[in-house]
Protein backbone atom coordinates (compact mmCIF):
# COMPACT_ATOMS: atom_id res chain seq x y z
CA MET A 1 12.73 22.37 -16.93
CA ALA A 2 14.33 24.35 -14.12
CA GLN A 3 11.17 26.11 -13.13
CA PRO A 4 8.15 24.03 -13.98
CA GLN A 5 4.56 25.28 -13.39
CA MET A 6 3.31 22.02 -12.88
CA LEU A 7 4.36 18.59 -11.48
CA LEU A 8 2.66 15.52 -12.45
CA LEU A 9 3.07 12.48 -10.14
CA ASP A 10 1.58 9.00 -10.82
CA GLU A 11 1.50 6.80 -7.56
CA PRO A 12 4.75 8.13 -6.19
CA SER A 13 4.36 5.76 -3.24
CA GLN A 14 3.50 2.55 -5.06
CA GLY A 15 5.61 -0.48 -3.90
CA LEU A 16 7.55 1.69 -1.23
CA GLY A 17 8.19 0.86 2.55
CA PRO A 18 6.36 3.12 4.97
CA ARG A 19 9.44 5.18 5.95
CA ILE A 20 10.22 5.92 2.24
CA VAL A 21 6.57 6.87 1.55
CA GLU A 22 6.72 9.21 4.41
CA GLY A 23 9.74 10.88 2.96
CA ILE A 24 8.23 11.03 -0.42
CA PHE A 25 5.07 13.01 0.70
CA GLU A 26 7.19 15.15 2.94
CA ALA A 27 9.39 16.06 -0.18
CA ILE A 28 6.12 16.69 -2.16
CA ALA A 29 4.76 18.94 0.48
CA ALA A 30 8.27 20.76 0.58
CA VAL A 31 8.36 21.26 -3.35
CA ARG A 32 4.71 22.59 -3.16
CA GLN A 33 5.63 25.22 -0.24
CA ARG A 34 8.96 26.17 -1.57
CA HIS A 35 8.37 26.60 -5.33
CA HIS A 36 4.62 27.27 -5.35
CA VAL A 37 4.11 24.74 -8.26
CA THR A 38 0.89 23.15 -9.14
CA ILE A 39 0.98 19.36 -8.36
CA LEU A 40 -1.17 16.72 -10.00
CA LEU A 41 -1.02 13.71 -7.79
CA VAL A 42 -2.58 10.46 -8.58
CA GLU A 43 -2.56 8.38 -5.60
CA GLN A 44 -4.20 5.56 -3.96
CA ARG A 45 -2.99 6.48 -0.32
CA VAL A 46 -6.08 8.70 0.30
CA VAL A 47 -5.28 10.06 3.48
CA GLU A 48 -1.72 11.24 2.52
CA ALA A 49 -2.95 12.70 -0.69
CA LEU A 50 -5.93 14.63 0.98
CA GLU A 51 -3.31 16.09 3.48
CA LEU A 52 -1.56 17.56 0.72
CA CYS A 53 -4.27 18.86 -1.64
CA ASP A 54 -6.18 21.97 -2.00
CA ARG A 55 -8.71 20.23 -4.26
CA GLY A 56 -9.41 16.59 -4.83
CA TYR A 57 -11.29 14.23 -7.15
CA VAL A 58 -12.40 10.74 -6.67
CA LEU A 59 -12.35 8.48 -9.65
CA GLU A 60 -14.36 5.22 -9.98
CA THR A 61 -13.90 3.13 -13.31
CA GLY A 62 -12.40 6.33 -15.09
CA ARG A 63 -15.20 8.77 -13.98
CA VAL A 64 -15.27 11.65 -11.50
CA VAL A 65 -17.68 10.75 -9.02
CA LEU A 66 -16.64 13.22 -6.22
CA SER A 67 -14.69 16.44 -6.08
CA GLY A 68 -14.19 19.20 -3.58
CA ASP A 69 -11.82 20.67 -1.09
CA ARG A 70 -9.87 18.72 1.33
CA GLN A 71 -12.40 19.26 4.11
CA THR A 72 -15.45 18.62 1.96
CA LEU A 73 -13.78 15.15 0.85
CA LEU A 74 -12.86 14.19 4.23
CA ALA A 75 -16.31 14.72 5.58
CA ASP A 76 -18.14 12.96 2.81
CA PRO A 77 -19.58 9.54 4.20
CA ARG A 78 -18.64 7.79 0.95
CA VAL A 79 -15.13 8.80 1.11
CA GLN A 80 -14.85 7.86 4.72
CA HIS A 81 -16.42 4.52 4.16
CA ALA A 82 -14.60 3.66 0.87
CA TYR A 83 -11.12 4.99 1.88
CA LEU A 84 -10.72 5.84 5.52
CA GLY A 85 -12.43 2.68 7.25
CA ALA A 86 -14.94 4.73 8.88
């Protein structure tokens, strides 16, 4: 338990205020950088999640409909339209 190889996080920002959410994502980034641990993050805050990820998956009704690295997902018009308001 002291040195896990993977950290699973399910909606860590759900129901929290903006300042707390910012702190949560900063803490996740710090854990990732300091401890070099794999993080599986399930999150609806797409921008914040993509800022942290090396690879992402977009699920719709329980199925993976898109996957790729951060830049690929950010550049995808479907992601931009559905999640980034572009």
